[in-house]
Amino acid sequence: WLATHIWEYYDYTRDLTFLKETGYELIKSSADFAVDYLWHKP
């Protein structure tokens, strides 16, 4: 949930440098956590 604010900041500012150098890794690693947390059912 916190990580969605990182994208929101980019979405408003369209600061590509921010997304590349700071924001993306925060979002990516958070998405990886969400995927791993889920139960892949039969």
All heavy atoms as atom14 arrays in JSON, in Angstrom:
{
  "sequence": "WLATHIWEYYDYTRDLTFLKETGYELIKSSADFAVDYLWHKP",
  "atom14_mask": [
    [1, 1, 1, 1, 1, 1, 1, 1, 1, 1, 1, 1, 1, 1],
    [1, 1, 1, 1, 1, 1, 1, 1, 0, 0, 0, 0, 0, 0],
    [1, 1, 1, 1, 1, 0, 0, 0, 0, 0, 0, 0, 0, 0],
    [1, 1, 1, 1, 1, 1, 1, 0, 0, 0, 0, 0, 0, 0],
    [1, 1, 1, 1, 1, 1, 1, 1, 1, 1, 0, 0, 0, 0],
    [1, 1, 1, 1, 1, 1, 1, 1, 0, 0, 0, 0, 0, 0],
    [1, 1, 1, 1, 1, 1, 1, 1, 1, 1, 1, 1, 1, 1],
    [1, 1, 1, 1, 1, 1, 1, 1, 1, 0, 0, 0, 0, 0],
    [1, 1, 1, 1, 1, 1, 1, 1, 1, 1, 1, 1, 0, 0],
    [1, 1, 1, 1, 1, 1, 1, 1, 1, 1, 1, 1, 0, 0],
    [1, 1, 1, 1, 1, 1, 1, 1, 0, 0, 0, 0, 0, 0],
    [1, 1, 1, 1, 1, 1, 1, 1, 1, 1, 1, 1, 0, 0],
    [1, 1, 1, 1, 1, 1, 1, 0, 0, 0, 0, 0, 0, 0],
    [1, 1, 1, 1, 1, 1, 1, 1, 1, 1, 1, 0, 0, 0],
    [1, 1, 1, 1, 1, 1, 1, 1, 0, 0, 0, 0, 0, 0],
    [1, 1, 1, 1, 1, 1, 1, 1, 0, 0, 0, 0, 0, 0],
    [1, 1, 1, 1, 1, 1, 1, 0, 0, 0, 0, 0, 0, 0],
    [1, 1, 1, 1, 1, 1, 1, 1, 1, 1, 1, 0, 0, 0],
    [1, 1, 1, 1, 1, 1, 1, 1, 0, 0, 0, 0, 0, 0],
    [1, 1, 1, 1, 1, 1, 1, 1, 1, 0, 0, 0, 0, 0],
    [1, 1, 1, 1, 1, 1, 1, 1, 1, 0, 0, 0, 0, 0],
    [1, 1, 1, 1, 1, 1, 1, 0, 0, 0, 0, 0, 0, 0],
    [1, 1, 1, 1, 0, 0, 0, 0, 0, 0, 0, 0, 0, 0],
    [1, 1, 1, 1, 1, 1, 1, 1, 1, 1, 1, 1, 0, 0],
    [1, 1, 1, 1, 1, 1, 1, 1, 1, 0, 0, 0, 0, 0],
    [1, 1, 1, 1, 1, 1, 1, 1, 0, 0, 0, 0, 0, 0],
    [1, 1, 1, 1, 1, 1, 1, 1, 0, 0, 0, 0, 0, 0],
    [1, 1, 1, 1, 1, 1, 1, 1, 1, 0, 0, 0, 0, 0],
    [1, 1, 1, 1, 1, 1, 0, 0, 0, 0, 0, 0, 0, 0],
    [1, 1, 1, 1, 1, 1, 0, 0, 0, 0, 0, 0, 0, 0],
    [1, 1, 1, 1, 1, 0, 0, 0, 0, 0, 0, 0, 0, 0],
    [1, 1, 1, 1, 1, 1, 1, 1, 0, 0, 0, 0, 0, 0],
    [1, 1, 1, 1, 1, 1, 1, 1, 1, 1, 1, 0, 0, 0],
    [1, 1, 1, 1, 1, 0, 0, 0, 0, 0, 0, 0, 0, 0],
    [1, 1, 1, 1, 1, 1, 1, 0, 0, 0, 0, 0, 0, 0],
    [1, 1, 1, 1, 1, 1, 1, 1, 0, 0, 0, 0, 0, 0],
    [1, 1, 1, 1, 1, 1, 1, 1, 1, 1, 1, 1, 0, 0],
    [1, 1, 1, 1, 1, 1, 1, 1, 0, 0, 0, 0, 0, 0],
    [1, 1, 1, 1, 1, 1, 1, 1, 1, 1, 1, 1, 1, 1],
    [1, 1, 1, 1, 1, 1, 1, 1, 1, 1, 0, 0, 0, 0],
    [1, 1, 1, 1, 1, 1, 1, 1, 1, 0, 0, 0, 0, 0],
    [1, 1, 1, 1, 1, 1, 1, 0, 0, 0, 0, 0, 0, 0]
  ],
  "atom14_positions": [
    [[0.84, -1.2, 0.0], [0.0, 0.0, 0.0], [0.88, 1.25, 0.0], [0.66, 2.18, -0.79], [-0.95, -0.02, 1.19], [-1.96, 1.1, 1.22], [-1.98, 2.2, 0.41], [-3.1, 1.21, 2.06], [-3.06, 3.0, 0.7], [-3.76, 2.41, 1.72], [-3.61, 0.42, 3.08], [-4.93, 2.82, 2.37], [-4.76, 0.84, 3.72], [-5.43, 2.03, 3.37]],
    [[1.89, 1.27, 0.87], [2.81, 2.41, 0.88], [3.48, 2.59, -0.48], [3.64, 3.72, -0.96], [3.87, 2.21, 1.96], [3.43, 2.37, 3.42], [4.53, 1.91, 4.36], [3.06, 3.82, 3.72], [0.0, 0.0, 0.0], [0.0, 0.0, 0.0], [0.0, 0.0, 0.0], [0.0, 0.0, 0.0], [0.0, 0.0, 0.0], [0.0, 0.0, 0.0]],
    [[3.85, 1.49, -1.1], [4.57, 1.57, -2.38], [3.71, 2.15, -3.49], [4.26, 2.72, -4.45], [5.09, 0.19, -2.77], [0.0, 0.0, 0.0], [0.0, 0.0, 0.0], [0.0, 0.0, 0.0], [0.0, 0.0, 0.0], [0.0, 0.0, 0.0], [0.0, 0.0, 0.0], [0.0, 0.0, 0.0], [0.0, 0.0, 0.0], [0.0, 0.0, 0.0]],
    [[2.39, 2.04, -3.38], [1.55, 2.64, -4.43], [1.71, 4.15, -4.46], [1.48, 4.79, -5.49], [0.05, 2.3, -4.22], [-0.43, 2.86, -3.0], [-0.16, 0.79, -4.24], [0.0, 0.0, 0.0], [0.0, 0.0, 0.0], [0.0, 0.0, 0.0], [0.0, 0.0, 0.0], [0.0, 0.0, 0.0], [0.0, 0.0, 0.0], [0.0, 0.0, 0.0]],
    [[2.11, 4.75, -3.34], [2.34, 6.2, -3.31], [3.57, 6.6, -4.12], [3.67, 7.74, -4.58], [2.47, 6.68, -1.86], [1.17, 6.74, -1.13], [0.49, 7.92, -0.89], [0.4, 5.76, -0.59], [-0.63, 7.67, -0.24], [-0.7, 6.36, -0.04], [0.0, 0.0, 0.0], [0.0, 0.0, 0.0], [0.0, 0.0, 0.0], [0.0, 0.0, 0.0]],
    [[4.49, 5.66, -4.27], [5.67, 5.95, -5.09], [5.24, 6.15, -6.54], [5.67, 7.09, -7.22], [6.69, 4.8, -4.98], [7.09, 4.56, -3.51], [7.9, 5.08, -5.85], [7.79, 5.72, -2.87], [0.0, 0.0, 0.0], [0.0, 0.0, 0.0], [0.0, 0.0, 0.0], [0.0, 0.0, 0.0], [0.0, 0.0, 0.0], [0.0, 0.0, 0.0]],
    [[4.39, 5.25, -7.03], [3.89, 5.4, -8.39], [3.04, 6.67, -8.52], [3.12, 7.38, -9.52], [3.06, 4.19, -8.81], [2.39, 4.42, -10.13], [1.07, 4.73, -10.35], [3.0, 4.41, -11.42], [0.83, 4.9, -11.69], [2.0, 4.72, -12.38], [4.3, 4.17, -11.87], [2.26, 4.79, -13.74], [4.56, 4.25, -13.24], [3.54, 4.55, -14.15]],
    [[2.23, 6.95, -7.51], [1.39, 8.15, -7.56], [2.26, 9.41, -7.73], [1.91, 10.3, -8.51], [0.54, 8.27, -6.3], [-0.38, 9.49, -6.32], [-1.23, 9.61, -5.07], [-0.85, 9.05, -4.03], [-2.26, 10.29, -5.14], [0.0, 0.0, 0.0], [0.0, 0.0, 0.0], [0.0, 0.0, 0.0], [0.0, 0.0, 0.0], [0.0, 0.0, 0.0]],
    [[3.37, 9.47, -6.99], [4.26, 10.63, -7.12], [4.78, 10.74, -8.55], [4.79, 11.83, -9.14], [5.43, 10.51, -6.13], [6.42, 11.64, -6.26], [6.15, 12.88, -5.71], [7.62, 11.47, -6.96], [7.06, 13.93, -5.84], [8.52, 12.5, -7.1], [8.24, 13.74, -6.53], [9.13, 14.77, -6.68], [0.0, 0.0, 0.0], [0.0, 0.0, 0.0]],
    [[5.2, 9.61, -9.13], [5.67, 9.67, -10.51], [4.52, 10.04, -11.45], [4.7, 10.83, -12.39], [6.26, 8.32, -10.96], [6.41, 8.29, -12.47], [7.44, 9.0, -13.08], [5.48, 7.63, -13.26], [7.55, 9.03, -14.47], [5.58, 7.65, -14.65], [6.61, 8.36, -15.24], [6.71, 8.41, -16.6], [0.0, 0.0, 0.0], [0.0, 0.0, 0.0]],
    [[3.33, 9.48, -11.23], [2.22, 9.68, -12.14], [1.86, 11.16, -12.24], [1.49, 11.65, -13.32], [1.02, 8.87, -11.66], [0.05, 8.53, -12.77], [0.44, 8.65, -13.95], [-1.1, 8.16, -12.48], [0.0, 0.0, 0.0], [0.0, 0.0, 0.0], [0.0, 0.0, 0.0], [0.0, 0.0, 0.0], [0.0, 0.0, 0.0], [0.0, 0.0, 0.0]],
    [[1.97, 11.89, -11.13], [1.68, 13.32, -11.14], [2.85, 14.13, -11.7], [2.64, 15.08, -12.45], [1.34, 13.81, -9.73], [-0.11, 13.65, -9.37], [-0.56, 12.52, -8.7], [-1.05, 14.63, -9.68], [-1.9, 12.37, -8.36], [-2.39, 14.5, -9.34], [-2.8, 13.36, -8.69], [-4.13, 13.21, -8.35], [0.0, 0.0, 0.0], [0.0, 0.0, 0.0]],
    [[4.06, 13.78, -11.32], [5.22, 14.6, -11.7], [5.8, 14.22, -13.05], [6.43, 15.05, -13.71], [6.33, 14.47, -10.66], [6.82, 13.11, -10.63], [5.84, 14.87, -9.27], [0.0, 0.0, 0.0], [0.0, 0.0, 0.0], [0.0, 0.0, 0.0], [0.0, 0.0, 0.0], [0.0, 0.0, 0.0], [0.0, 0.0, 0.0], [0.0, 0.0, 0.0]],
    [[5.63, 12.93, -13.45], [6.27, 12.38, -14.64], [7.78, 12.64, -14.62], [8.4, 12.93, -15.64], [5.63, 12.95, -15.92], [4.16, 12.57, -16.06], [3.99, 11.06, -16.01], [2.61, 10.65, -15.82], [1.89, 10.04, -16.77], [2.41, 9.81, -17.94], [0.66, 9.65, -16.51], [0.0, 0.0, 0.0], [0.0, 0.0, 0.0], [0.0, 0.0, 0.0]],
    [[8.34, 12.52, -13.41], [9.79, 12.68, -13.21], [10.45, 11.34, -13.52], [10.55, 10.46, -12.66], [10.06, 13.11, -11.77], [11.53, 13.41, -11.51], [12.38, 12.95, -12.29], [11.83, 14.08, -10.5], [0.0, 0.0, 0.0], [0.0, 0.0, 0.0], [0.0, 0.0, 0.0], [0.0, 0.0, 0.0], [0.0, 0.0, 0.0], [0.0, 0.0, 0.0]],
    [[10.9, 11.19, -14.75], [11.47, 9.93, -15.21], [12.74, 9.56, -14.46], [13.01, 8.39, -14.17], [11.73, 9.98, -16.71], [11.83, 8.63, -17.43], [10.53, 7.86, -17.3], [12.16, 8.86, -18.91], [0.0, 0.0, 0.0], [0.0, 0.0, 0.0], [0.0, 0.0, 0.0], [0.0, 0.0, 0.0], [0.0, 0.0, 0.0], [0.0, 0.0, 0.0]],
    [[13.53, 10.58, -14.12], [14.77, 10.33, -13.35], [14.44, 9.75, -11.99], [15.08, 8.8, -11.52], [15.57, 11.64, -13.19], [15.9, 12.15, -14.48], [16.84, 11.39, -12.4], [0.0, 0.0, 0.0], [0.0, 0.0, 0.0], [0.0, 0.0, 0.0], [0.0, 0.0, 0.0], [0.0, 0.0, 0.0], [0.0, 0.0, 0.0], [0.0, 0.0, 0.0]],
    [[13.42, 10.3, -11.34], [12.99, 9.76, -10.04], [12.56, 8.31, -10.18], [12.94, 7.45, -9.39], [11.83, 10.58, -9.48], [11.1, 9.9, -8.35], [11.6, 9.95, -7.06], [9.94, 9.18, -8.58], [10.94, 9.29, -6.02], [9.28, 8.53, -7.55], [9.79, 8.59, -6.27], [0.0, 0.0, 0.0], [0.0, 0.0, 0.0], [0.0, 0.0, 0.0]],
    [[11.75, 8.02, -11.2], [11.25, 6.65, -11.37], [12.4, 5.69, -11.61], [12.44, 4.59, -11.03], [10.27, 6.59, -12.53], [9.58, 5.24, -12.75], [8.7, 4.87, -11.57], [8.77, 5.24, -14.05], [0.0, 0.0, 0.0], [0.0, 0.0, 0.0], [0.0, 0.0, 0.0], [0.0, 0.0, 0.0], [0.0, 0.0, 0.0], [0.0, 0.0, 0.0]],
    [[13.36, 6.1, -12.41], [14.47, 5.22, -12.78], [15.43, 5.02, -11.62], [15.86, 3.89, -11.35], [15.21, 5.8, -13.98], [16.33, 4.92, -14.51], [16.95, 5.53, -15.76], [18.05, 4.64, -16.32], [18.65, 5.22, -17.56], [0.0, 0.0, 0.0], [0.0, 0.0, 0.0], [0.0, 0.0, 0.0], [0.0, 0.0, 0.0], [0.0, 0.0, 0.0]],
    [[15.78, 6.09, -10.92], [16.82, 6.01, -9.91], [16.31, 5.66, -8.51], [17.06, 5.11, -7.71], [17.58, 7.34, -9.85], [18.31, 7.68, -11.15], [19.06, 9.0, -11.06], [18.95, 9.67, -10.01], [19.74, 9.35, -12.05], [0.0, 0.0, 0.0], [0.0, 0.0, 0.0], [0.0, 0.0, 0.0], [0.0, 0.0, 0.0], [0.0, 0.0, 0.0]],
    [[15.06, 5.98, -8.22], [14.54, 5.78, -6.85], [13.27, 4.94, -6.82], [13.17, 3.96, -6.09], [14.27, 7.14, -6.18], [15.47, 7.91, -6.15], [13.74, 6.95, -4.77], [0.0, 0.0, 0.0], [0.0, 0.0, 0.0], [0.0, 0.0, 0.0], [0.0, 0.0, 0.0], [0.0, 0.0, 0.0], [0.0, 0.0, 0.0], [0.0, 0.0, 0.0]],
    [[12.28, 5.34, -7.59], [10.94, 4.79, -7.42], [10.76, 3.36, -7.89], [10.11, 2.55, -7.21], [0.0, 0.0, 0.0], [0.0, 0.0, 0.0], [0.0, 0.0, 0.0], [0.0, 0.0, 0.0], [0.0, 0.0, 0.0], [0.0, 0.0, 0.0], [0.0, 0.0, 0.0], [0.0, 0.0, 0.0], [0.0, 0.0, 0.0], [0.0, 0.0, 0.0]],
    [[11.33, 3.02, -9.05], [11.0, 1.73, -9.65], [11.4, 0.55, -8.78], [10.64, -0.41, -8.63], [11.65, 1.61, -11.03], [11.36, 0.27, -11.68], [10.06, -0.08, -12.04], [12.37, -0.67, -11.9], [9.78, -1.31, -12.62], [12.1, -1.89, -12.48], [10.8, -2.22, -12.83], [10.51, -3.44, -13.39], [0.0, 0.0, 0.0], [0.0, 0.0, 0.0]],
    [[12.58, 0.6, -8.2], [13.03, -0.54, -7.4], [12.13, -0.74, -6.19], [11.87, -1.88, -5.77], [14.48, -0.32, -6.95], [15.12, -1.55, -6.32], [15.09, -2.79, -7.22], [15.32, -2.62, -8.44], [14.81, -3.89, -6.72], [0.0, 0.0, 0.0], [0.0, 0.0, 0.0], [0.0, 0.0, 0.0], [0.0, 0.0, 0.0], [0.0, 0.0, 0.0]],
    [[11.62, 0.35, -5.6], [10.69, 0.24, -4.47], [9.4, -0.45, -4.91], [8.86, -1.29, -4.19], [10.38, 1.62, -3.9], [11.55, 2.45, -3.36], [11.07, 3.83, -2.94], [12.2, 1.74, -2.18], [0.0, 0.0, 0.0], [0.0, 0.0, 0.0], [0.0, 0.0, 0.0], [0.0, 0.0, 0.0], [0.0, 0.0, 0.0], [0.0, 0.0, 0.0]],
    [[8.91, -0.06, -6.07], [7.67, -0.64, -6.6], [7.88, -2.1, -7.0], [7.08, -2.98, -6.65], [7.17, 0.18, -7.8], [6.8, 1.6, -7.36], [6.0, -0.5, -8.48], [6.55, 2.55, -8.51], [0.0, 0.0, 0.0], [0.0, 0.0, 0.0], [0.0, 0.0, 0.0], [0.0, 0.0, 0.0], [0.0, 0.0, 0.0], [0.0, 0.0, 0.0]],
    [[8.96, -2.36, -7.72], [9.24, -3.71, -8.21], [9.37, -4.7, -7.05], [8.76, -5.78, -7.06], [10.51, -3.71, -9.03], [10.97, -5.1, -9.47], [12.32, -5.04, -10.18], [12.83, -6.45, -10.5], [14.15, -6.42, -11.18], [0.0, 0.0, 0.0], [0.0, 0.0, 0.0], [0.0, 0.0, 0.0], [0.0, 0.0, 0.0], [0.0, 0.0, 0.0]],
    [[10.18, -4.35, -6.05], [10.4, -5.28, -4.94], [9.14, -5.47, -4.11], [8.92, -6.54, -3.53], [11.55, -4.79, -4.05], [11.33, -3.48, -3.59], [0.0, 0.0, 0.0], [0.0, 0.0, 0.0], [0.0, 0.0, 0.0], [0.0, 0.0, 0.0], [0.0, 0.0, 0.0], [0.0, 0.0, 0.0], [0.0, 0.0, 0.0], [0.0, 0.0, 0.0]],
    [[8.29, -4.47, -4.08], [7.02, -4.6, -3.37], [6.07, -5.52, -4.14], [5.37, -6.35, -3.54], [6.38, -3.22, -3.18], [5.21, -3.32, -2.41], [0.0, 0.0, 0.0], [0.0, 0.0, 0.0], [0.0, 0.0, 0.0], [0.0, 0.0, 0.0], [0.0, 0.0, 0.0], [0.0, 0.0, 0.0], [0.0, 0.0, 0.0], [0.0, 0.0, 0.0]],
    [[6.08, -5.41, -5.47], [5.25, -6.3, -6.28], [5.73, -7.75, -6.17], [4.92, -8.68, -6.11], [5.29, -5.84, -7.74], [0.0, 0.0, 0.0], [0.0, 0.0, 0.0], [0.0, 0.0, 0.0], [0.0, 0.0, 0.0], [0.0, 0.0, 0.0], [0.0, 0.0, 0.0], [0.0, 0.0, 0.0], [0.0, 0.0, 0.0], [0.0, 0.0, 0.0]],
    [[7.05, -7.94, -6.11], [7.6, -9.29, -5.93], [7.14, -9.88, -4.61], [6.8, -11.07, -4.52], [9.12, -9.25, -5.98], [9.66, -9.08, -7.39], [8.9, -9.32, -8.35], [10.83, -8.7, -7.54], [0.0, 0.0, 0.0], [0.0, 0.0, 0.0], [0.0, 0.0, 0.0], [0.0, 0.0, 0.0], [0.0, 0.0, 0.0], [0.0, 0.0, 0.0]],
    [[7.11, -9.06, -3.56], [6.62, -9.56, -2.27], [5.16, -9.99, -2.4], [4.77, -11.06, -1.92], [6.73, -8.5, -1.18], [5.98, -8.87, 0.07], [6.52, -9.77, 0.96], [4.71, -8.35, 0.31], [5.81, -10.16, 2.1], [4.0, -8.73, 1.45], [4.55, -9.63, 2.34], [0.0, 0.0, 0.0], [0.0, 0.0, 0.0], [0.0, 0.0, 0.0]],
    [[4.34, -9.16, -3.03], [2.92, -9.48, -3.16], [2.71, -10.8, -3.89], [1.89, -11.63, -3.5], [2.2, -8.34, -3.88], [0.0, 0.0, 0.0], [0.0, 0.0, 0.0], [0.0, 0.0, 0.0], [0.0, 0.0, 0.0], [0.0, 0.0, 0.0], [0.0, 0.0, 0.0], [0.0, 0.0, 0.0], [0.0, 0.0, 0.0], [0.0, 0.0, 0.0]],
    [[3.48, -11.02, -4.97], [3.37, -12.27, -5.73], [3.74, -13.46, -4.86], [3.04, -14.49, -4.84], [4.26, -12.21, -6.98], [4.43, -13.59, -7.6], [3.68, -11.24, -8.0], [0.0, 0.0, 0.0], [0.0, 0.0, 0.0], [0.0, 0.0, 0.0], [0.0, 0.0, 0.0], [0.0, 0.0, 0.0], [0.0, 0.0, 0.0], [0.0, 0.0, 0.0]],
    [[4.85, -13.35, -4.14], [5.31, -14.47, -3.32], [4.39, -14.74, -2.14], [4.3, -15.87, -1.66], [6.73, -14.19, -2.8], [7.77, -14.31, -3.88], [7.4, -14.6, -5.04], [8.97, -14.11, -3.58], [0.0, 0.0, 0.0], [0.0, 0.0, 0.0], [0.0, 0.0, 0.0], [0.0, 0.0, 0.0], [0.0, 0.0, 0.0], [0.0, 0.0, 0.0]],
    [[3.71, -13.7, -1.67], [2.82, -13.87, -0.53], [1.58, -14.68, -0.89], [1.04, -15.43, -0.08], [2.38, -12.51, 0.03], [1.49, -12.64, 1.23], [2.04, -12.88, 2.48], [0.1, -12.6, 1.1], [1.22, -13.04, 3.59], [-0.72, -12.77, 2.19], [-0.16, -12.99, 3.44], [-0.96, -13.17, 4.53], [0.0, 0.0, 0.0], [0.0, 0.0, 0.0]],
    [[1.13, -14.57, -2.11], [-0.12, -15.21, -2.52], [0.01, -16.73, -2.55], [1.07, -17.28, -2.8], [-0.54, -14.7, -3.89], [-0.91, -13.21, -3.97], [-1.1, -12.8, -5.42], [-2.14, -12.89, -3.15], [0.0, 0.0, 0.0], [0.0, 0.0, 0.0], [0.0, 0.0, 0.0], [0.0, 0.0, 0.0], [0.0, 0.0, 0.0], [0.0, 0.0, 0.0]],
    [[-1.12, -17.39, -2.35], [-1.22, -18.85, -2.44], [-1.68, -19.22, -3.85], [-2.75, -18.8, -4.3], [-2.21, -19.36, -1.4], [-2.55, -20.82, -1.5], [-1.76, -21.83, -1.96], [-3.8, -21.43, -1.11], [-2.42, -23.04, -1.89], [-3.67, -22.82, -1.37], [-4.98, -20.95, -0.57], [-4.69, -23.72, -1.11], [-6.0, -21.84, -0.3], [-5.87, -23.21, -0.56]],
    [[-0.82, -19.96, -4.56], [-1.18, -20.44, -5.89], [-1.97, -21.73, -5.72], [-1.42, -22.79, -5.5], [0.07, -20.67, -6.74], [-0.21, -20.89, -8.19], [0.73, -21.37, -9.06], [-1.34, -20.69, -8.93], [0.19, -21.46, -10.27], [-1.05, -21.05, -10.21], [0.0, 0.0, 0.0], [0.0, 0.0, 0.0], [0.0, 0.0, 0.0], [0.0, 0.0, 0.0]],
    [[-3.27, -21.64, -5.86], [-4.15, -22.77, -5.57], [-4.1, -23.81, -6.7], [-3.7, -23.51, -7.83], [-5.58, -22.27, -5.39], [-5.75, -21.3, -4.22], [-7.16, -20.78, -4.11], [-8.12, -21.88, -3.67], [-9.49, -21.34, -3.44], [0.0, 0.0, 0.0], [0.0, 0.0, 0.0], [0.0, 0.0, 0.0], [0.0, 0.0, 0.0], [0.0, 0.0, 0.0]],
    [[-4.47, -25.04, -6.39], [-4.46, -26.1, -7.42], [-5.3, -25.77, -8.65], [-5.01, -26.27, -9.75], [-5.04, -27.31, -6.67], [-4.69, -27.05, -5.24], [-4.8, -25.56, -5.06], [0.0, 0.0, 0.0], [0.0, 0.0, 0.0], [0.0, 0.0, 0.0], [0.0, 0.0, 0.0], [0.0, 0.0, 0.0], [0.0, 0.0, 0.0], [0.0, 0.0, 0.0]]
  ]
}
